[in-house]
Amino acid sequence: MQTHFTPAQLEDPGLARANQILRACVHCGFCTATCPTYAVLGDELDSPRGRIYLMKEMLESGRPADARTVKHIDRCLSCLSCMTTCPSGVHYMHLVDHARDHIERTYRRPLMDRLLRWTLARVIPHPTRFRLALLGARIGRPFAFLMPDARLRAMLAMAPRQLPPVSRNDDPQTFTAQGKCRKRVALMTGCAQRALNTDINDATIRLLTRLGCEVVVVEGAGCCGALSHHMGRTGESHAAAERNIRAWMAEDRSKGLDAIVINTSGCGTTVKDYGHMFRNGPLADDAVRIAHLARDVTELLAELEIDATAPEPMRVAYHSACSLQHGQQIRTAPKDLLKRAGFDVVEPADAHLCCGSAGTYNLLQPEISQALKTRKIATLEARSPEVIAAGNIGCMMQIASGTGIPVVHTVELIDWATGGPRPRALSAEGHTAQPVPNLR
């Protein structure tokens, strides 16, 4: 694609990067075949190619964002399926992230939009605030029909009927490896996940320590910054990322780390991009180091020798989160681990398409999200599974809200197959998984 940025514009590192990405695009349109919003809406401007044209014109001209451009960029899930499909290697993620930053700086959204986005950015990355908000949503759910805005109704509907108790295993501490220590790893405990499903971190700690890993929950590490980042709130996202970089690097320099384990793939995609986010600042080298250490939990498990046997025959439909298969290009490791454990693993049709969760997308674009959720659940249920497995809490919540089939994290099944408790979601009696002893 031909671009016309001025030399002065190209002195800005963000625009220089956008120029590189735009020039790689050859308008082939392959991306339209795998774009979820184009599949639902059929509008060229709701495809990656259409959005690239909108972003090019906006950034090249240097003008403030307009309502038309904002509408179509907001509709993008950032699922990154287009990056998997693109034969030219167009790095759409960096381009749309820069465009969202530009939108946030130059466009004044309607009042309700500003309030909703401000609330989400101030609540979800903070587990205690998020828990309180979810409790409030449960109280307000019976009155959802009175809400004039579909986004408010979606927020009320999001709240689970039960919240797990706070897990003290998420507090900063060290869990000793069982037997010979093979690796020393930091566990990213996340933010929303700590409020919505504490079983995932507990299962991860049990599994990794059983396999000979010393697991450290590092003081000062928290939200990865993804939620704010994808809303164009760059200052907030970089502040969260910087706290993580400083916390993990202090641990790495003190006692050493072999990996930073992440069991929420949306977070993993962002942490692995820290090197790019901080490429022009004083934390550049540290950010590259952290990005290099970051591993999805299934990546690390694939490196370890696992003796796993499924406690009972079970047909598992594996849902591949977009942030895992497209953002991190991890496709086979989770399925291979489940198969080696003895589970019968199946995949839905159109496995590359998003479920519609996409961070806060299901709250800010509920109509499109609902269409994608309905489609994803239909393809999963068509495989007649006994359980659905996924590697991202957002996907798990999205899918579970529309099906009666239990939805669990991949690591919960592997933990179960290596001697851990049966996942809570699989028990009709509401079995409570045994927690990891708090060692602090």
Protein backbone atom coordinates (compact mmCIF):
# COMPACT_ATOMS: atom_id res chain seq x y z
CA MET A 1 0.00 0.00 0.00
CA GLN A 2 1.34 3.42 -0.94
CA THR A 3 1.52 5.90 1.92
CA HIS A 4 2.15 9.65 2.07
CA PHE A 5 3.37 10.44 5.56
CA THR A 6 5.57 13.53 5.75
CA PRO A 7 9.16 13.33 7.04
CA ALA A 8 8.01 15.27 10.12
CA GLN A 9 5.27 12.73 10.80
CA LEU A 10 7.70 9.83 10.47
CA GLU A 11 9.79 11.25 13.29
CA ASP A 12 7.03 9.98 15.57
CA PRO A 13 7.87 6.31 16.37
CA GLY A 14 4.21 5.32 16.41
CA LEU A 15 3.52 6.76 12.97
CA ALA A 16 6.77 5.32 11.64
CA ARG A 17 5.64 1.87 12.76
CA ALA A 18 2.15 2.43 11.30
CA ASN A 19 3.78 3.40 7.99
CA GLN A 20 5.75 0.14 7.92
CA ILE A 21 2.62 -1.90 8.57
CA LEU A 22 0.50 -0.06 6.00
CA ARG A 23 3.14 -0.48 3.31
CA ALA A 24 3.09 -4.25 3.84
CA CYS A 25 -0.62 -4.47 2.94
CA VAL A 26 -1.31 -5.48 -0.69
CA HIS A 27 -5.15 -5.18 -0.54
CA CYS A 28 -5.52 -8.91 -1.28
CA GLY A 29 -8.62 -9.30 0.89
CA PHE A 30 -7.68 -12.71 2.30
CA CYS A 31 -8.38 -11.24 5.74
CA THR A 32 -12.04 -10.74 4.95
CA ALA A 33 -12.53 -14.52 4.78
CA THR A 34 -11.58 -14.99 8.43
CA CYS A 35 -12.77 -11.75 10.05
CA PRO A 36 -15.62 -12.43 12.51
CA THR A 37 -17.22 -8.99 12.25
CA TYR A 38 -17.19 -9.13 8.46
CA ALA A 39 -18.81 -12.57 8.65
CA VAL A 40 -21.59 -11.16 10.87
CA LEU A 41 -22.07 -7.70 9.33
CA GLY A 42 -20.93 -8.11 5.71
CA ASP A 43 -19.62 -4.53 5.63
CA GLU A 44 -16.23 -3.93 3.99
CA LEU A 45 -15.48 -1.27 6.60
CA ASP A 46 -15.94 -3.93 9.27
CA SER A 47 -13.20 -6.06 7.75
CA PRO A 48 -9.45 -5.64 8.40
CA ARG A 49 -8.90 -4.29 4.89
CA GLY A 50 -11.64 -1.70 5.30
CA ARG A 51 -10.38 -0.65 8.70
CA ILE A 52 -6.85 -0.36 7.36
CA TYR A 53 -8.08 2.16 4.78
CA LEU A 54 -9.87 4.13 7.50
CA MET A 55 -6.80 4.12 9.76
CA LYS A 56 -4.49 5.09 6.91
CA GLU A 57 -6.56 8.11 5.96
CA MET A 58 -6.97 9.21 9.58
CA LEU A 59 -3.30 8.87 10.52
CA GLU A 60 -1.90 10.21 7.25
CA SER A 61 -4.03 13.33 7.37
CA GLY A 62 -3.21 13.89 11.04
CA ARG A 63 -6.83 14.83 11.66
CA PRO A 64 -8.85 14.02 14.77
CA ALA A 65 -10.84 10.80 14.59
CA ASP A 66 -14.42 11.11 13.33
CA ALA A 67 -17.53 9.20 14.40
CA ARG A 68 -17.57 6.98 11.29
CA THR A 69 -13.99 5.81 11.77
CA VAL A 70 -14.47 5.31 15.49
CA LYS A 71 -17.58 3.16 14.93
CA HIS A 72 -15.77 0.68 12.71
CA ILE A 73 -12.57 0.58 14.75
CA ASP A 74 -14.63 0.03 17.92
CA ARG A 75 -16.31 -2.92 16.23
CA CYS A 76 -12.94 -4.66 15.77
CA LEU A 77 -12.50 -7.51 18.24
CA SER A 78 -8.69 -7.45 18.04
CA CYS A 79 -9.00 -11.22 17.61
CA LEU A 80 -6.02 -11.07 15.20
CA SER A 81 -7.41 -13.80 12.96
CA CYS A 82 -6.44 -11.53 10.08
CA MET A 83 -2.78 -11.73 11.12
CA THR A 84 -2.88 -15.53 10.91
CA THR A 85 -4.46 -15.34 7.46
CA CYS A 86 -2.41 -12.49 5.96
CA PRO A 87 0.16 -13.73 3.40
CA SER A 88 2.04 -10.41 3.57
CA GLY A 89 2.67 -10.38 7.32
CA VAL A 90 0.72 -7.20 8.04
CA HIS A 91 1.01 -6.60 11.81
CA TYR A 92 -2.56 -5.46 12.29
CA MET A 93 -2.31 -5.55 16.09
CA HIS A 94 0.25 -2.77 16.32
CA LEU A 95 -1.64 -0.70 13.75
CA VAL A 96 -5.04 -0.89 15.44
CA ASP A 97 -3.50 -0.29 18.86
CA HIS A 98 -1.91 2.93 17.56
CA ALA A 99 -5.18 3.97 15.93
CA ARG A 100 -7.05 3.46 19.20
CA ASP A 101 -4.51 5.59 21.02
CA HIS A 102 -5.07 8.31 18.41
CA ILE A 103 -8.84 8.00 18.81
CA GLU A 104 -8.61 8.29 22.58
CA ARG A 105 -6.50 11.44 22.28
CA THR A 106 -8.46 13.22 19.55
CA TYR A 107 -12.12 12.09 19.72
CA ARG A 108 -14.64 13.10 22.36
CA ARG A 109 -17.06 10.23 22.79
CA PRO A 110 -20.69 10.67 23.86
CA LEU A 111 -21.12 10.98 27.61
CA MET A 112 -22.44 7.45 28.16
CA ASP A 113 -19.52 5.96 26.20
CA ARG A 114 -17.04 7.91 28.30
CA LEU A 115 -18.69 6.83 31.55
CA LEU A 116 -18.83 3.16 30.58
CA ARG A 117 -15.21 3.05 29.44
CA TRP A 118 -14.00 4.94 32.47
CA THR A 119 -15.88 2.54 34.75
CA LEU A 120 -14.51 -0.57 33.05
CA ALA A 121 -10.95 0.74 33.16
CA ARG A 122 -11.28 1.63 36.85
CA VAL A 123 -13.01 -1.56 37.98
CA ILE A 124 -12.04 -4.73 36.08
CA PRO A 125 -8.23 -4.51 36.54
CA HIS A 126 -8.72 -4.36 40.32
CA PRO A 127 -9.98 -7.69 41.77
CA THR A 128 -11.54 -6.25 44.93
CA ARG A 129 -13.39 -3.50 43.06
CA PHE A 130 -14.46 -6.02 40.43
CA ARG A 131 -15.85 -8.37 43.06
CA LEU A 132 -17.89 -5.55 44.59
CA ALA A 133 -19.15 -4.54 41.14
CA LEU A 134 -20.16 -8.14 40.38
CA LEU A 135 -22.06 -8.36 43.65
CA GLY A 136 -23.84 -5.12 42.77
CA ALA A 137 -24.67 -6.48 39.33
CA ARG A 138 -26.22 -9.59 40.85
CA ILE A 139 -28.50 -7.40 42.93
CA GLY A 140 -29.41 -5.27 39.94
CA ARG A 141 -29.96 -8.12 37.46
CA PRO A 142 -33.75 -8.43 38.10
CA PHE A 143 -34.11 -4.80 37.03
CA ALA A 144 -32.07 -5.16 33.84
CA PHE A 145 -35.18 -4.67 31.69
CA LEU A 146 -35.37 -1.10 32.97
CA MET A 147 -31.95 -0.26 31.54
CA PRO A 148 -32.25 1.80 28.34
CA ASP A 149 -28.74 0.91 27.11
CA ALA A 150 -27.97 -2.62 25.87
CA ARG A 151 -24.44 -2.28 27.22
CA LEU A 152 -25.73 -1.77 30.75
CA ARG A 153 -27.93 -4.83 30.39
CA ALA A 154 -24.91 -6.81 29.18
CA MET A 155 -22.92 -5.72 32.23
CA LEU A 156 -25.66 -6.91 34.58
CA ALA A 157 -25.98 -10.20 32.71
CA MET A 158 -22.23 -10.79 32.95
CA ALA A 159 -22.23 -11.27 36.72
CA PRO A 160 -22.04 -14.96 37.69
CA ARG A 161 -24.67 -16.26 40.09
CA GLN A 162 -21.97 -17.26 42.55
CA LEU A 163 -18.54 -15.83 43.21
CA PRO A 164 -15.76 -18.01 44.57
CA PRO A 165 -14.19 -17.03 47.89
CA VAL A 166 -10.97 -15.06 47.71
CA SER A 167 -7.98 -17.37 47.26
CA ARG A 168 -5.06 -16.56 49.52
CA ASN A 169 -2.89 -18.43 47.03
CA ASP A 170 -3.00 -15.28 44.90
CA ASP A 171 -1.11 -13.36 47.59
CA PRO A 172 2.63 -12.77 47.08
CA GLN A 173 4.46 -15.92 48.27
CA THR A 174 6.53 -18.89 47.11
CA PHE A 175 5.27 -22.44 46.58
CA THR A 176 7.99 -25.08 46.91
CA ALA A 177 8.52 -27.63 44.17
CA GLN A 178 7.73 -31.26 44.97
CA GLY A 179 10.87 -33.35 44.64
CA LYS A 180 13.79 -32.01 42.67
CA CYS A 181 13.32 -28.40 41.55
CA ARG A 182 13.42 -28.29 37.76
CA LYS A 183 12.37 -24.69 37.15
CA ARG A 184 11.71 -21.51 39.08
CA VAL A 185 8.76 -19.61 37.62
CA ALA A 186 6.66 -16.57 38.41
CA LEU A 187 2.90 -16.99 38.11
CA MET A 188 0.88 -14.08 36.79
CA THR A 189 -2.30 -14.28 38.84
CA GLY A 190 -4.22 -11.78 36.72
CA CYS A 191 -7.00 -9.44 37.75
CA ALA A 192 -10.49 -10.39 36.50
CA GLN A 193 -9.66 -14.08 36.86
CA ARG A 194 -8.94 -13.62 40.57
CA ALA A 195 -12.53 -12.46 41.03
CA LEU A 196 -14.31 -14.78 38.60
CA ASN A 197 -12.57 -18.14 38.97
CA THR A 198 -9.94 -18.82 41.62
CA ASP A 199 -9.75 -22.52 40.69
CA ILE A 200 -7.56 -21.75 37.68
CA ASN A 201 -4.61 -20.34 39.61
CA ASP A 202 -5.00 -22.99 42.31
CA ALA A 203 -4.88 -25.76 39.69
CA THR A 204 -1.89 -24.13 38.01
CA ILE A 205 0.06 -23.97 41.27
CA ARG A 206 -0.81 -27.58 42.16
CA LEU A 207 0.20 -28.82 38.72
CA LEU A 208 3.45 -26.89 38.39
CA THR A 209 4.71 -27.74 41.89
CA ARG A 210 3.81 -31.41 41.27
CA LEU A 211 5.97 -31.27 38.13
CA GLY A 212 8.96 -29.86 39.99
CA CYS A 213 8.52 -26.11 39.57
CA GLU A 214 9.01 -23.59 42.32
CA VAL A 215 6.19 -21.11 41.81
CA VAL A 216 6.51 -17.49 42.91
CA VAL A 217 3.68 -14.98 43.13
CA VAL A 218 5.71 -11.79 42.95
CA GLU A 219 5.00 -8.77 45.12
CA GLY A 220 3.93 -5.78 43.02
CA ALA A 221 2.82 -7.64 39.89
CA GLY A 222 -0.81 -7.23 38.85
CA CYS A 223 -2.93 -6.39 35.81
CA CYS A 224 -1.05 -6.76 32.51
CA GLY A 225 -2.62 -3.58 31.09
CA ALA A 226 -4.44 -5.28 28.21
CA LEU A 227 -7.90 -3.95 29.00
CA SER A 228 -6.79 -0.30 29.05
CA HIS A 229 -4.43 -0.87 26.13
CA HIS A 230 -7.21 -2.07 23.83
CA MET A 231 -9.35 0.92 24.76
CA GLY A 232 -6.55 3.28 23.68
CA ARG A 233 -5.79 4.36 27.25
CA THR A 234 -2.05 4.11 26.69
CA GLY A 235 -0.94 5.95 29.81
CA GLU A 236 -2.89 3.60 32.07
CA SER A 237 -1.86 0.44 30.23
CA HIS A 238 1.82 1.37 30.21
CA ALA A 239 1.70 2.21 33.92
CA ALA A 240 0.30 -1.26 34.69
CA ALA A 241 2.85 -2.92 32.41
CA GLU A 242 5.71 -0.95 33.96
CA ARG A 243 4.75 -2.13 37.45
CA ASN A 244 4.91 -5.72 36.23
CA ILE A 245 8.23 -5.26 34.47
CA ARG A 246 9.83 -3.72 37.57
CA ALA A 247 8.38 -6.38 39.90
CA TRP A 248 9.37 -9.36 37.76
CA MET A 249 12.81 -7.99 36.93
CA ALA A 250 13.53 -7.47 40.63
CA GLU A 251 12.69 -11.14 41.20
CA ASP A 252 14.70 -12.24 38.15
CA ARG A 253 17.76 -10.30 39.28
CA SER A 254 17.40 -11.49 42.88
CA LYS A 255 16.82 -15.23 42.59
CA GLY A 256 16.35 -15.84 38.86
CA LEU A 257 13.34 -16.88 36.81
CA ASP A 258 13.10 -19.52 34.11
CA ALA A 259 9.67 -18.33 32.97
CA ILE A 260 6.72 -16.09 33.72
CA VAL A 261 3.72 -18.40 33.52
CA ILE A 262 0.45 -16.94 32.27
CA ASN A 263 -2.79 -18.92 32.27
CA THR A 264 -4.99 -16.20 30.75
CA SER A 265 -4.05 -16.01 27.09
CA GLY A 266 -5.35 -12.46 26.62
CA CYS A 267 -2.80 -11.34 29.19
CA GLY A 268 -0.10 -13.47 27.60
CA THR A 269 -0.44 -11.77 24.23
CA THR A 270 0.03 -8.37 25.86
CA VAL A 271 2.96 -9.35 28.09
CA LYS A 272 4.74 -10.88 25.11
CA ASP A 273 4.36 -7.49 23.39
CA TYR A 274 5.99 -5.52 26.23
CA GLY A 275 9.19 -5.29 24.20
CA HIS A 276 7.35 -3.38 21.48
CA MET A 277 5.37 -1.25 23.92
CA PHE A 278 8.53 -0.01 25.67
CA ARG A 279 10.90 -0.11 22.69
CA ASN A 280 11.73 3.59 22.82
CA GLY A 281 12.02 4.08 26.58
CA PRO A 282 14.45 3.42 29.42
CA LEU A 283 12.76 0.09 30.20
CA ALA A 284 13.37 -1.28 26.70
CA ASP A 285 15.89 -3.96 27.69
CA ASP A 286 13.92 -5.06 30.75
CA ALA A 287 10.71 -5.20 28.71
CA VAL A 288 12.38 -7.43 26.12
CA ARG A 289 13.60 -9.73 28.91
CA ILE A 290 10.10 -10.02 30.40
CA ALA A 291 8.54 -10.65 26.99
CA HIS A 292 11.13 -13.39 26.42
CA LEU A 293 10.34 -15.04 29.77
CA ALA A 294 6.55 -14.97 29.23
CA ARG A 295 5.04 -18.40 28.57
CA ASP A 296 1.49 -19.58 28.28
CA VAL A 297 1.05 -22.35 30.83
CA THR A 298 0.58 -24.92 28.05
CA GLU A 299 3.88 -23.86 26.46
CA LEU A 300 5.69 -24.60 29.70
CA LEU A 301 3.82 -27.86 30.26
CA ALA A 302 4.85 -29.00 26.77
CA GLU A 303 8.49 -28.66 27.88
CA LEU A 304 7.99 -30.80 31.00
CA GLU A 305 7.59 -34.56 31.18
CA ILE A 306 4.04 -35.16 32.28
CA ASP A 307 2.70 -38.50 33.44
CA ALA A 308 -1.03 -37.94 33.02
CA THR A 309 -3.97 -40.31 32.82
CA ALA A 310 -7.56 -39.16 32.45
CA PRO A 311 -9.45 -40.38 35.56
CA GLU A 312 -12.40 -41.27 33.35
CA PRO A 313 -13.15 -41.31 29.60
CA MET A 314 -14.29 -37.88 28.57
CA ARG A 315 -15.02 -36.13 25.29
CA VAL A 316 -13.51 -32.63 25.44
CA ALA A 317 -14.33 -29.90 22.94
CA TYR A 318 -11.32 -27.61 22.86
CA HIS A 319 -12.02 -23.93 22.21
CA SER A 320 -8.90 -22.13 21.04
CA ALA A 321 -8.92 -18.56 22.35
CA CYS A 322 -8.06 -15.99 19.68
CA SER A 323 -5.33 -14.52 21.86
CA LEU A 324 -3.72 -17.97 22.01
CA GLN A 325 -4.07 -19.24 18.45
CA HIS A 326 -3.72 -15.90 16.64
CA GLY A 327 -2.04 -13.60 19.15
CA GLN A 328 0.58 -16.10 20.30
CA GLN A 329 0.39 -18.67 17.49
CA ILE A 330 -0.10 -21.49 20.01
CA ARG A 331 -2.42 -24.07 18.46
CA THR A 332 -1.27 -27.62 19.10
CA ALA A 333 0.21 -27.62 22.62
CA PRO A 334 -3.09 -27.49 24.56
CA LYS A 335 -4.72 -30.17 22.41
CA ASP A 336 -1.63 -32.40 22.53
CA LEU A 337 -1.50 -32.17 26.31
CA LEU A 338 -5.16 -33.16 26.64
CA LYS A 339 -4.76 -36.02 24.16
CA ARG A 340 -1.64 -37.34 25.93
CA ALA A 341 -3.62 -37.33 29.16
CA GLY A 342 -6.16 -39.64 27.54
CA PHE A 343 -9.02 -37.25 26.83
CA ASP A 344 -10.95 -37.55 23.57
CA VAL A 345 -10.33 -34.10 22.09
CA VAL A 346 -12.56 -32.61 19.39
CA GLU A 347 -12.70 -29.15 17.83
CA PRO A 348 -15.65 -27.11 16.55
CA ALA A 349 -16.15 -26.05 12.96
CA ASP A 350 -14.65 -22.64 12.16
CA ALA A 351 -12.37 -22.91 15.18
CA HIS A 352 -10.54 -19.78 14.01
CA LEU A 353 -13.55 -17.55 14.65
CA CYS A 354 -13.90 -15.54 17.86
CA CYS A 355 -16.49 -16.38 20.53
CA GLY A 356 -17.26 -12.66 20.94
CA SER A 357 -15.75 -12.14 24.39
CA ALA A 358 -12.59 -10.21 23.42
CA GLY A 359 -11.86 -8.48 26.71
CA THR A 360 -14.60 -5.89 27.21
CA TYR A 361 -16.06 -6.33 23.71
CA ASN A 362 -19.03 -8.35 24.97
CA LEU A 363 -19.90 -5.40 27.23
CA LEU A 364 -19.30 -2.59 24.73
CA GLN A 365 -20.62 -4.32 21.58
CA PRO A 366 -23.23 -6.72 22.99
CA GLU A 367 -25.23 -7.29 19.78
CA ILE A 368 -22.27 -8.42 17.67
CA SER A 369 -20.84 -10.34 20.62
CA GLN A 370 -24.13 -12.20 21.08
CA ALA A 371 -24.20 -13.23 17.41
CA LEU A 372 -20.65 -14.59 17.65
CA LYS A 373 -21.39 -16.36 20.94
CA THR A 374 -24.46 -18.07 19.49
CA ARG A 375 -22.46 -19.24 16.50
CA LYS A 376 -19.55 -20.51 18.61
CA ILE A 377 -21.73 -22.40 21.06
CA ALA A 378 -23.66 -24.06 18.23
CA THR A 379 -20.44 -25.35 16.67
CA LEU A 380 -19.14 -26.57 20.03
CA GLU A 381 -22.38 -28.33 20.99
CA ALA A 382 -22.49 -29.96 17.54
CA ARG A 383 -19.51 -32.08 18.61
CA SER A 384 -21.51 -33.50 21.56
CA PRO A 385 -18.80 -32.93 24.17
CA GLU A 386 -19.06 -33.72 27.87
CA VAL A 387 -16.93 -30.72 28.73
CA ILE A 388 -15.55 -27.65 26.94
CA ALA A 389 -11.95 -26.61 27.63
CA ALA A 390 -10.38 -23.21 26.96
CA GLY A 391 -7.32 -21.25 28.03
CA ASN A 392 -8.78 -17.81 28.64
CA ILE A 393 -11.18 -16.69 31.38
CA GLY A 394 -13.05 -14.31 29.08
CA CYS A 395 -13.86 -17.09 26.62
CA MET A 396 -14.85 -19.39 29.46
CA MET A 397 -17.33 -16.88 30.89
CA GLN A 398 -18.72 -16.03 27.45
CA ILE A 399 -19.32 -19.64 26.41
CA ALA A 400 -20.57 -20.80 29.81
CA SER A 401 -23.24 -18.07 29.77
CA GLY A 402 -24.93 -19.76 26.81
CA THR A 403 -24.56 -23.51 27.29
CA GLY A 404 -25.29 -26.14 29.91
CA ILE A 405 -22.08 -28.03 29.09
CA PRO A 406 -19.42 -27.52 31.79
CA VAL A 407 -16.63 -25.15 30.77
CA VAL A 408 -13.22 -25.54 32.41
CA HIS A 409 -9.69 -24.28 31.92
CA THR A 410 -7.32 -26.63 30.12
CA VAL A 411 -4.99 -26.62 33.12
CA GLU A 412 -7.79 -27.86 35.40
CA LEU A 413 -8.13 -31.02 33.30
CA ILE A 414 -4.37 -31.62 33.22
CA ASP A 415 -4.20 -31.06 36.98
CA TRP A 416 -6.99 -33.61 37.46
CA ALA A 417 -5.22 -36.11 35.18
CA THR A 418 -2.00 -35.82 37.19
CA GLY A 419 -3.47 -36.38 40.62
CA GLY A 420 -5.36 -33.18 41.38
CA PRO A 421 -9.03 -32.89 42.34
CA ARG A 422 -11.90 -33.18 39.91
CA PRO A 423 -12.66 -29.72 38.44
CA ARG A 424 -15.46 -28.02 40.34
CA ALA A 425 -17.47 -27.35 37.17
CA LEU A 426 -17.71 -31.09 36.42
CA SER A 427 -19.47 -31.94 39.67
CA ALA A 428 -23.23 -31.71 39.84
CA GLU A 429 -22.92 -31.77 43.62
CA GLY A 430 -20.86 -28.58 43.62
CA HIS A 431 -17.71 -30.38 44.71
CA THR A 432 -15.18 -27.97 46.15
CA ALA A 433 -11.66 -28.50 44.85
CA GLN A 434 -9.10 -28.72 47.60
CA PRO A 435 -7.09 -25.50 47.78
CA VAL A 436 -3.33 -25.31 47.71
CA PRO A 437 -2.02 -24.88 51.26
CA ASN A 438 -1.14 -21.27 51.84
CA LEU A 439 2.59 -21.20 52.53
CA ARG A 440 2.98 -17.61 53.54
